[in-house]
Amino acid sequence: MAIKLQGTNSAAAPGLTNDGADGIVVGTDSVDISIAGTSKVKVNSSGNVGIGTTSPNNKLDVNGGIVCSPNTDGKDTFELSTH
C-alpha cells in the first residue's frame, strides 16, 4: 500500500490520492516523484537516488545529461567516475 500526496491544477494544496497520476508516492521500500504519470525521481531502500531511472544502482544514478556549474564558494572541483 502506498500513500500519495498530490497537488491539483485547481488548488495549490496537496491532497491524498491513489489514482497513479502526479505526486509523491511513499511505498514500503521506495519514494517516487511522478510528473505527468511518469516517474522522475526515485529513492530506493538502499538510499540510492535515481533521476530518469526507476532502479538506481548508485547513490546518484542519472539517466540523461547533467550540467555542472561552479558553486558559489568559488570552488570549481568536480569528481566524476565512469563504469
C-alpha atoms as a PDB file:
ATOM      1  CA  MET A   1       0.000   0.000   0.000  1.00  0.00           C
ATOM      2  CA  ALA A   2       1.235   3.500  -0.770  1.00  0.00           C
ATOM      3  CA  ILE A   3       0.169   6.932   0.397  1.00  0.00           C
ATOM      4  CA  LYS A   4       0.381   9.576  -2.273  1.00  0.00           C
ATOM      5  CA  LEU A   5       0.482  13.358  -1.828  1.00  0.00           C
ATOM      6  CA  GLN A   6      -0.717  15.177  -4.887  1.00  0.00           C
ATOM      7  CA  GLY A   7      -1.358  18.759  -5.867  1.00  0.00           C
ATOM      8  CA  THR A   8      -4.042  19.583  -8.395  1.00  0.00           C
ATOM      9  CA  ASN A   9      -4.227  22.108 -11.196  1.00  0.00           C
ATOM     10  CA  SER A  10      -7.118  23.826  -9.476  1.00  0.00           C
ATOM     11  CA  ALA A  11      -5.596  24.083  -5.994  1.00  0.00           C
ATOM     12  CA  ALA A  12      -2.111  24.621  -4.620  1.00  0.00           C
ATOM     13  CA  ALA A  13      -2.704  22.451  -1.556  1.00  0.00           C
ATOM     14  CA  PRO A  14      -1.709  18.789  -1.823  1.00  0.00           C
ATOM     15  CA  GLY A  15      -4.297  16.086  -1.438  1.00  0.00           C
ATOM     16  CA  LEU A  16      -4.252  12.332  -0.973  1.00  0.00           C
ATOM     17  CA  THR A  17      -4.937  10.155  -3.974  1.00  0.00           C
ATOM     18  CA  ASN A  18      -4.238   6.734  -5.306  1.00  0.00           C
ATOM     19  CA  ASP A  19      -5.042   7.357  -8.984  1.00  0.00           C
ATOM     20  CA  GLY A  20      -1.459   6.851 -10.273  1.00  0.00           C
ATOM     21  CA  ALA A  21      -1.059  10.390 -11.635  1.00  0.00           C
ATOM     22  CA  ASP A  22       1.323  13.133 -10.471  1.00  0.00           C
ATOM     23  CA  GLY A  23       2.628  13.267  -6.940  1.00  0.00           C
ATOM     24  CA  ILE A  24       4.875  11.738  -4.308  1.00  0.00           C
ATOM     25  CA  VAL A  25       4.333   8.068  -3.580  1.00  0.00           C
ATOM     26  CA  VAL A  26       5.776   6.652  -0.362  1.00  0.00           C
ATOM     27  CA  GLY A  27       5.861   2.879  -0.706  1.00  0.00           C
ATOM     28  CA  THR A  28       7.178   0.124   1.541  1.00  0.00           C
ATOM     29  CA  ASP A  29      10.672   0.221   0.007  1.00  0.00           C
ATOM     30  CA  SER A  30      10.913   3.447  -2.006  1.00  0.00           C
ATOM     31  CA  VAL A  31       9.800   7.030  -2.543  1.00  0.00           C
ATOM     32  CA  ASP A  32       8.791   8.058  -6.043  1.00  0.00           C
ATOM     33  CA  ILE A  33       8.122  11.508  -7.510  1.00  0.00           C
ATOM     34  CA  SER A  34       5.984  11.368 -10.643  1.00  0.00           C
ATOM     35  CA  ILE A  35       5.027  14.087 -13.111  1.00  0.00           C
ATOM     36  CA  ALA A  36       2.584  13.555 -15.969  1.00  0.00           C
ATOM     37  CA  GLY A  37       2.176   9.960 -14.816  1.00  0.00           C
ATOM     38  CA  THR A  38       5.899   9.212 -15.261  1.00  0.00           C
ATOM     39  CA  SER A  39       8.445   8.578 -12.503  1.00  0.00           C
ATOM     40  CA  LYS A  40      11.038  11.367 -12.475  1.00  0.00           C
ATOM     41  CA  VAL A  41      12.906  10.742  -9.191  1.00  0.00           C
ATOM     42  CA  LYS A  42      13.151   7.504  -7.215  1.00  0.00           C
ATOM     43  CA  VAL A  43      14.790   6.864  -3.821  1.00  0.00           C
ATOM     44  CA  ASN A  44      15.100   3.156  -3.055  1.00  0.00           C
ATOM     45  CA  SER A  45      15.530   1.282   0.229  1.00  0.00           C
ATOM     46  CA  SER A  46      19.344   1.393  -0.136  1.00  0.00           C
ATOM     47  CA  GLY A  47      19.245   5.192  -0.200  1.00  0.00           C
ATOM     48  CA  ASN A  48      20.132   5.302  -3.888  1.00  0.00           C
ATOM     49  CA  VAL A  49      18.598   8.178  -5.840  1.00  0.00           C
ATOM     50  CA  GLY A  50      17.604   7.772  -9.460  1.00  0.00           C
ATOM     51  CA  ILE A  51      16.819  10.625 -11.830  1.00  0.00           C
ATOM     52  CA  GLY A  52      15.372   9.381 -15.097  1.00  0.00           C
ATOM     53  CA  THR A  53      15.554   5.770 -13.876  1.00  0.00           C
ATOM     54  CA  THR A  54      13.276   3.740 -11.630  1.00  0.00           C
ATOM     55  CA  SER A  55      16.040   1.361 -10.497  1.00  0.00           C
ATOM     56  CA  PRO A  56      19.053   3.372  -9.284  1.00  0.00           C
ATOM     57  CA  ASN A  57      22.183   1.281  -8.670  1.00  0.00           C
ATOM     58  CA  ASN A  58      24.372   4.006  -7.109  1.00  0.00           C
ATOM     59  CA  LYS A  59      23.978   6.799  -4.563  1.00  0.00           C
ATOM     60  CA  LEU A  60      23.166   9.047  -7.536  1.00  0.00           C
ATOM     61  CA  ASP A  61      22.140   7.368 -10.779  1.00  0.00           C
ATOM     62  CA  VAL A  62      21.222   9.756 -13.620  1.00  0.00           C
ATOM     63  CA  ASN A  63      19.839   8.571 -16.942  1.00  0.00           C
ATOM     64  CA  GLY A  64      20.362  11.572 -19.206  1.00  0.00           C
ATOM     65  CA  GLY A  65      22.574  14.626 -19.422  1.00  0.00           C
ATOM     66  CA  ILE A  66      23.718  16.660 -16.454  1.00  0.00           C
ATOM     67  CA  VAL A  67      25.023  20.211 -16.149  1.00  0.00           C
ATOM     68  CA  CYS A  68      27.621  21.094 -13.510  1.00  0.00           C
ATOM     69  CA  SER A  69      28.285  24.729 -12.767  1.00  0.00           C
ATOM     70  CA  PRO A  70      30.755  26.362 -10.366  1.00  0.00           C
ATOM     71  CA  ASN A  71      29.350  26.684  -6.892  1.00  0.00           C
ATOM     72  CA  THR A  72      29.031  29.970  -5.062  1.00  0.00           C
ATOM     73  CA  ASP A  73      32.043  29.454  -2.758  1.00  0.00           C
ATOM     74  CA  GLY A  74      34.451  29.744  -5.701  1.00  0.00           C
ATOM     75  CA  LYS A  75      35.464  26.085  -5.880  1.00  0.00           C
ATOM     76  CA  ASP A  76      35.345  24.577  -9.360  1.00  0.00           C
ATOM     77  CA  THR A  77      36.071  20.985  -8.310  1.00  0.00           C
ATOM     78  CA  PHE A  78      34.072  18.109  -9.767  1.00  0.00           C
ATOM     79  CA  GLU A  79      34.753  14.420  -9.266  1.00  0.00           C
ATOM     80  CA  LEU A  80      33.237  12.035 -11.790  1.00  0.00           C
ATOM     81  CA  SER A  81      33.800   8.358 -12.474  1.00  0.00           C
ATOM     82  CA  THR A  82      32.577   6.015 -15.171  1.00  0.00           C
ATOM     83  CA  HIS A  83      31.996   2.308 -15.029  1.00  0.00           C
END
